[in-house]
Amino acid sequence: QKLKQVGLKDSRIWNMLYNFQKDAVIGAIQKIETYGGCIIADSVGLGKTFEALAVMKYYQLRNDRILVLAPKKLRENWTIYQLNDRRNILAHDRFNYDVLNHTDLSRDKGKSGDIDLETINWGNYDLVVIDESHNFRNNPQRREGMTRYKRLMNDVIRANVRTKVLMLSATPVNNKMNDLKNQVAFITEGDDRAFRPHGLESVSQIMREAQRKFTKWYRDTDPDKLMVQTLLDDLDGAYFKILDMLTIARSRKHIEKYYDMADIGKFPERLVPITVKPEI
């Protein structure tokens, strides 16, 4: 109903989405409204950028100011949709948001596109979209001066307006269960007890405990007999509760199982790589 009221359902982006992508958008908006943020962790190739653009359109229609933070090499994935250009298939939607590179967070002068980093009002964004958010899984404590993590947390998320956060990553957990902790901290503004009303005492304690159980499972099991189910049975329900509250993560198998593939079409098959061994 709310989507209709603000006009999202009339937008080009909404009408380009498949059903499974629309479900992600509705889910993400609900999580952002309830908890202050969401991590979309759909597998590679399922359209996280388009899902994010639809979420951004919803908040743009509510007159929110939006910042996208992307790795430099992915910057054009986002800037193209701001342009009055034939390559912009969403020109009809007149998207309006700022785009900065991850690396711009550790700069305090110079320009990034049209934005002057010396005079930018970092604290004035209602929604921050972080592409490849796993790049922020570390919060270096020992490093002096302004790190990217500190700038994002202190100057963007904690300053002035209550900032909502949408993170995109196919791999929010890279090699440690604890990788989630610093990403979740953007949603809670660093408040370790933010989810007490939901029965979760301490986010960092839950993450630490999950990491301890994972390490024990991995260390104490014969590498040839590692059973993921054993780990899942041992993990505390609190870790899964945080995942359930804050993340949307579907695989191709999930989409094939729960959605009508006639509407979507078949996913391309991955062919076995061809090995080429040229003469020297």
Protein backbone atom coordinates (compact mmCIF):
# COMPACT_ATOMS: atom_id res chain seq x y z
CA GLN A 1 0.00 0.00 0.00
CA LYS A 2 2.78 2.42 0.97
CA LEU A 3 4.65 1.66 -2.26
CA LYS A 4 1.54 2.68 -4.18
CA GLN A 5 1.09 5.85 -2.14
CA VAL A 6 4.58 7.17 -2.89
CA GLY A 7 4.36 6.11 -6.55
CA LEU A 8 7.06 3.41 -6.64
CA LYS A 9 4.78 1.05 -8.56
CA ASP A 10 4.56 3.60 -11.38
CA SER A 11 8.35 3.77 -11.77
CA ARG A 12 10.29 2.20 -14.64
CA ILE A 13 12.65 0.39 -12.26
CA TRP A 14 9.81 -1.33 -10.35
CA ASN A 15 8.18 -2.52 -13.56
CA MET A 16 11.46 -3.95 -14.88
CA LEU A 17 11.95 -6.24 -11.87
CA TYR A 18 11.18 -9.96 -11.72
CA ASN A 19 8.94 -11.18 -8.89
CA PHE A 20 11.87 -12.47 -6.82
CA GLN A 21 13.53 -9.04 -7.11
CA LYS A 22 10.32 -7.23 -6.09
CA ASP A 23 10.15 -9.48 -3.02
CA ALA A 24 13.72 -8.44 -2.13
CA VAL A 25 12.82 -4.75 -2.49
CA ILE A 26 9.73 -5.05 -0.27
CA GLY A 27 11.70 -7.10 2.27
CA ALA A 28 14.61 -4.63 2.27
CA ILE A 29 12.30 -1.62 2.80
CA GLN A 30 10.56 -3.42 5.69
CA LYS A 31 13.90 -4.25 7.34
CA ILE A 32 15.22 -0.71 6.85
CA GLU A 33 12.06 0.75 8.37
CA THR A 34 12.07 -1.72 11.30
CA TYR A 35 15.77 -2.04 12.15
CA GLY A 36 17.44 0.90 10.36
CA GLY A 37 19.20 -1.17 7.73
CA CYS A 38 19.46 -4.28 5.57
CA ILE A 39 22.11 -6.37 3.82
CA ILE A 40 21.09 -7.73 0.41
CA ALA A 41 23.34 -10.76 -0.12
CA ASP A 42 21.75 -12.39 -3.18
CA SER A 43 24.15 -14.49 -5.26
CA VAL A 44 26.15 -12.94 -8.10
CA GLY A 45 23.97 -12.31 -11.16
CA LEU A 46 20.59 -12.03 -9.41
CA GLY A 47 20.42 -8.24 -9.82
CA LYS A 48 21.38 -6.66 -6.49
CA THR A 49 22.04 -3.31 -8.22
CA PHE A 50 18.51 -3.17 -9.64
CA GLU A 51 16.99 -4.25 -6.33
CA ALA A 52 18.94 -1.45 -4.64
CA LEU A 53 17.87 1.11 -7.26
CA ALA A 54 14.21 0.28 -6.56
CA VAL A 55 14.76 0.72 -2.81
CA MET A 56 16.52 4.03 -3.56
CA LYS A 57 13.61 5.13 -5.78
CA TYR A 58 11.21 4.52 -2.88
CA TYR A 59 13.28 6.76 -0.58
CA GLN A 60 13.84 9.35 -3.31
CA LEU A 61 10.06 9.59 -3.69
CA ARG A 62 9.96 10.32 0.06
CA ASN A 63 12.42 13.19 -0.57
CA ASP A 64 15.32 11.48 1.21
CA ARG A 65 18.89 12.42 0.36
CA ILE A 66 20.84 9.38 -0.84
CA LEU A 67 24.56 8.54 -1.03
CA VAL A 68 25.98 5.54 -2.89
CA LEU A 69 29.46 4.32 -1.89
CA ALA A 70 31.01 2.01 -4.48
CA PRO A 71 34.46 0.64 -5.27
CA LYS A 72 36.11 2.85 -7.89
CA LYS A 73 35.94 0.14 -10.55
CA LEU A 74 32.15 -0.16 -10.09
CA ARG A 75 31.44 3.58 -10.00
CA GLU A 76 29.98 3.67 -13.53
CA ASN A 77 27.45 0.95 -12.62
CA TRP A 78 25.77 3.69 -10.56
CA THR A 79 26.57 6.99 -12.32
CA ILE A 80 25.00 5.81 -15.60
CA TYR A 81 21.50 5.93 -14.06
CA GLN A 82 21.87 9.61 -13.17
CA LEU A 83 22.59 10.68 -16.76
CA ASN A 84 20.36 12.04 -19.48
CA ASP A 85 21.88 9.54 -21.87
CA ARG A 86 20.57 6.94 -24.34
CA ARG A 87 22.45 4.19 -22.46
CA ASN A 88 20.43 5.01 -19.31
CA ILE A 89 17.48 2.61 -19.52
CA LEU A 90 16.04 4.24 -16.37
CA ALA A 91 16.18 7.86 -17.62
CA HIS A 92 12.39 8.06 -17.20
CA ASP A 93 12.82 7.70 -13.40
CA ARG A 94 15.10 10.76 -13.05
CA PHE A 95 17.25 9.26 -10.33
CA ASN A 96 18.87 11.72 -7.97
CA TYR A 97 21.65 10.56 -5.61
CA ASP A 98 25.33 11.19 -4.95
CA VAL A 99 28.03 8.65 -5.81
CA LEU A 100 31.42 8.45 -4.12
CA ASN A 101 34.19 5.85 -4.22
CA HIS A 102 35.05 3.89 -1.08
CA THR A 103 38.50 5.52 -1.22
CA ASP A 104 36.96 9.04 -1.12
CA LEU A 105 36.09 8.41 2.54
CA SER A 106 39.76 8.74 3.51
CA ARG A 107 40.26 11.97 1.53
CA ASP A 108 39.43 15.46 2.76
CA LYS A 109 40.17 17.51 -0.35
CA GLY A 110 39.91 17.29 -4.10
CA LYS A 111 36.93 16.35 -6.22
CA SER A 112 35.07 13.11 -6.83
CA GLY A 113 32.92 13.63 -9.92
CA ASP A 114 31.11 16.91 -9.19
CA ILE A 115 31.45 16.59 -5.41
CA ASP A 116 34.01 18.73 -3.57
CA LEU A 117 35.33 16.57 -0.74
CA GLU A 118 36.46 19.63 1.22
CA THR A 119 32.98 21.10 1.56
CA ILE A 120 30.66 18.06 1.37
CA ASN A 121 28.13 17.80 4.20
CA TRP A 122 28.83 14.17 5.15
CA GLY A 123 26.15 14.06 7.85
CA ASN A 124 23.23 15.09 5.66
CA TYR A 125 22.28 11.75 4.06
CA ASP A 126 19.06 9.93 4.97
CA LEU A 127 20.07 6.70 3.20
CA VAL A 128 23.55 5.33 2.50
CA VAL A 129 23.89 2.48 -0.01
CA ILE A 130 27.19 0.59 0.31
CA ASP A 131 28.09 -1.55 -2.69
CA GLU A 132 30.48 -4.44 -1.94
CA SER A 133 29.97 -3.78 1.77
CA HIS A 134 32.29 -6.65 2.77
CA ASN A 135 35.14 -4.19 2.04
CA PHE A 136 34.16 -2.61 5.39
CA ARG A 137 34.34 -5.82 7.42
CA ASN A 138 37.49 -4.55 9.17
CA ASN A 139 37.59 -1.58 11.53
CA PRO A 140 41.33 -0.91 11.98
CA GLN A 141 41.75 0.33 15.56
CA ARG A 142 45.49 0.92 15.54
CA ARG A 143 45.68 3.14 12.49
CA GLU A 144 46.04 6.84 13.24
CA GLY A 145 43.97 9.46 11.43
CA MET A 146 40.78 9.08 9.42
CA THR A 147 40.14 5.56 8.11
CA ARG A 148 37.31 4.82 5.67
CA TYR A 149 35.46 2.92 8.39
CA LYS A 150 35.72 5.78 10.92
CA ARG A 151 34.60 8.40 8.41
CA LEU A 152 31.60 6.33 7.36
CA MET A 153 30.60 5.52 10.94
CA ASN A 154 31.28 8.87 12.63
CA ASP A 155 30.78 11.53 9.95
CA VAL A 156 28.08 9.93 7.77
CA ILE A 157 26.03 7.48 9.84
CA ARG A 158 26.19 8.91 13.37
CA ALA A 159 26.15 12.62 12.44
CA ASN A 160 23.03 14.83 12.16
CA VAL A 161 20.12 12.91 10.63
CA ARG A 162 19.24 9.29 11.54
CA THR A 163 20.84 7.50 8.61
CA LYS A 164 19.38 4.34 7.13
CA VAL A 165 21.80 1.84 5.57
CA LEU A 166 21.45 -0.56 2.65
CA MET A 167 24.43 -2.86 2.05
CA LEU A 168 25.04 -5.02 -1.02
CA SER A 169 27.42 -7.96 -1.02
CA ALA A 170 27.40 -11.47 -2.44
CA THR A 171 29.92 -12.35 0.31
CA PRO A 172 29.12 -10.39 3.50
CA VAL A 173 30.91 -13.17 5.40
CA ASN A 174 34.27 -13.80 3.73
CA ASN A 175 36.35 -16.01 5.97
CA LYS A 176 35.15 -15.26 9.50
CA MET A 177 31.66 -15.44 10.99
CA ASN A 178 32.70 -12.23 12.72
CA ASP A 179 32.94 -10.40 9.35
CA LEU A 180 29.29 -9.46 9.85
CA LYS A 181 29.92 -7.56 13.07
CA ASN A 182 31.30 -4.33 11.60
CA GLN A 183 28.70 -4.28 8.84
CA VAL A 184 25.86 -4.76 11.35
CA ALA A 185 27.42 -1.91 13.39
CA PHE A 186 26.54 0.53 10.57
CA ILE A 187 22.88 -0.42 11.04
CA THR A 188 23.00 -0.11 14.85
CA GLU A 189 25.22 3.03 14.74
CA GLY A 190 27.72 1.06 16.81
CA ASP A 191 25.27 0.41 19.67
CA ASP A 192 26.06 -3.15 20.76
CA ARG A 193 22.73 -3.45 22.61
CA ALA A 194 20.53 -1.98 19.87
CA PHE A 195 18.58 -5.23 19.46
CA ARG A 196 17.75 -5.80 23.13
CA PRO A 197 14.05 -5.16 22.41
CA HIS A 198 14.27 -8.17 20.05
CA GLY A 199 15.77 -10.42 22.72
CA LEU A 200 19.41 -10.03 21.63
CA GLU A 201 21.59 -8.73 24.48
CA SER A 202 24.90 -8.03 22.72
CA VAL A 203 25.65 -8.19 18.98
CA SER A 204 29.41 -8.55 19.48
CA GLN A 205 28.94 -11.35 22.04
CA ILE A 206 26.69 -13.27 19.62
CA MET A 207 29.25 -12.86 16.81
CA ARG A 208 32.14 -13.91 19.07
CA GLU A 209 30.30 -17.02 20.21
CA ALA A 210 29.43 -17.99 16.62
CA GLN A 211 33.08 -17.55 15.61
CA ARG A 212 34.25 -19.68 18.56
CA LYS A 213 31.90 -22.51 17.61
CA PHE A 214 32.92 -22.33 13.96
CA THR A 215 36.63 -22.45 14.86
CA LYS A 216 36.08 -25.43 17.17
CA TRP A 217 34.02 -27.29 14.54
CA TYR A 218 36.66 -26.69 11.87
CA ARG A 219 39.61 -27.52 14.13
CA ASP A 220 38.22 -30.65 15.75
CA THR A 221 36.74 -32.36 12.69
CA ASP A 222 38.47 -34.56 10.15
CA PRO A 223 38.70 -32.33 6.99
CA ASP A 224 37.18 -35.16 4.90
CA LYS A 225 34.19 -35.46 7.23
CA LEU A 226 33.18 -31.80 7.69
CA MET A 227 29.39 -31.72 7.95
CA VAL A 228 27.84 -28.27 7.77
CA GLN A 229 24.71 -29.60 9.50
CA THR A 230 26.77 -30.36 12.63
CA LEU A 231 27.86 -26.72 12.77
CA LEU A 232 24.32 -25.43 12.16
CA ASP A 233 22.97 -27.61 14.99
CA ASP A 234 25.61 -26.22 17.36
CA LEU A 235 25.28 -22.54 16.48
CA ASP A 236 23.19 -20.38 18.77
CA GLY A 237 19.80 -19.35 17.40
CA ALA A 238 20.72 -15.71 18.11
CA TYR A 239 23.19 -15.63 15.19
CA PHE A 240 20.45 -16.83 12.82
CA LYS A 241 18.01 -14.35 14.33
CA ILE A 242 20.35 -11.48 13.38
CA LEU A 243 20.70 -12.92 9.85
CA ASP A 244 16.93 -13.25 9.59
CA MET A 245 16.33 -9.71 10.84
CA LEU A 246 18.91 -7.93 8.70
CA THR A 247 19.72 -9.94 5.59
CA ILE A 248 18.12 -11.06 2.34
CA ALA A 249 20.14 -13.84 0.72
CA ARG A 250 18.91 -16.06 -2.10
CA SER A 251 20.79 -18.40 -4.43
CA ARG A 252 19.87 -19.46 -7.97
CA LYS A 253 18.68 -22.79 -6.49
CA HIS A 254 16.36 -20.89 -4.12
CA ILE A 255 14.88 -18.90 -7.04
CA GLU A 256 14.40 -22.06 -9.13
CA LYS A 257 12.67 -23.80 -6.22
CA TYR A 258 10.30 -21.04 -5.07
CA TYR A 259 9.54 -18.97 -8.20
CA ASP A 260 7.92 -19.62 -11.56
CA MET A 261 10.86 -19.96 -13.94
CA ALA A 262 8.56 -19.46 -16.95
CA ASP A 263 8.47 -15.79 -16.00
CA ILE A 264 12.22 -15.52 -15.41
CA GLY A 265 13.65 -17.82 -18.08
CA LYS A 266 16.45 -20.31 -17.44
CA PHE A 267 19.68 -19.26 -15.76
CA PRO A 268 22.63 -19.75 -18.11
CA GLU A 269 24.48 -23.02 -17.58
CA ARG A 270 28.05 -22.79 -16.41
CA LEU A 271 30.25 -24.64 -18.88
CA VAL A 272 33.38 -26.47 -17.82
CA PRO A 273 36.37 -24.17 -18.50
CA ILE A 274 38.43 -25.06 -21.57
CA THR A 275 42.07 -25.49 -20.64
CA VAL A 276 44.46 -24.07 -23.21
CA LYS A 277 48.13 -25.13 -23.09
CA PRO A 278 50.01 -23.22 -25.78
CA GLU A 279 53.56 -24.06 -26.78
CA ILE A 280 56.16 -21.65 -25.41
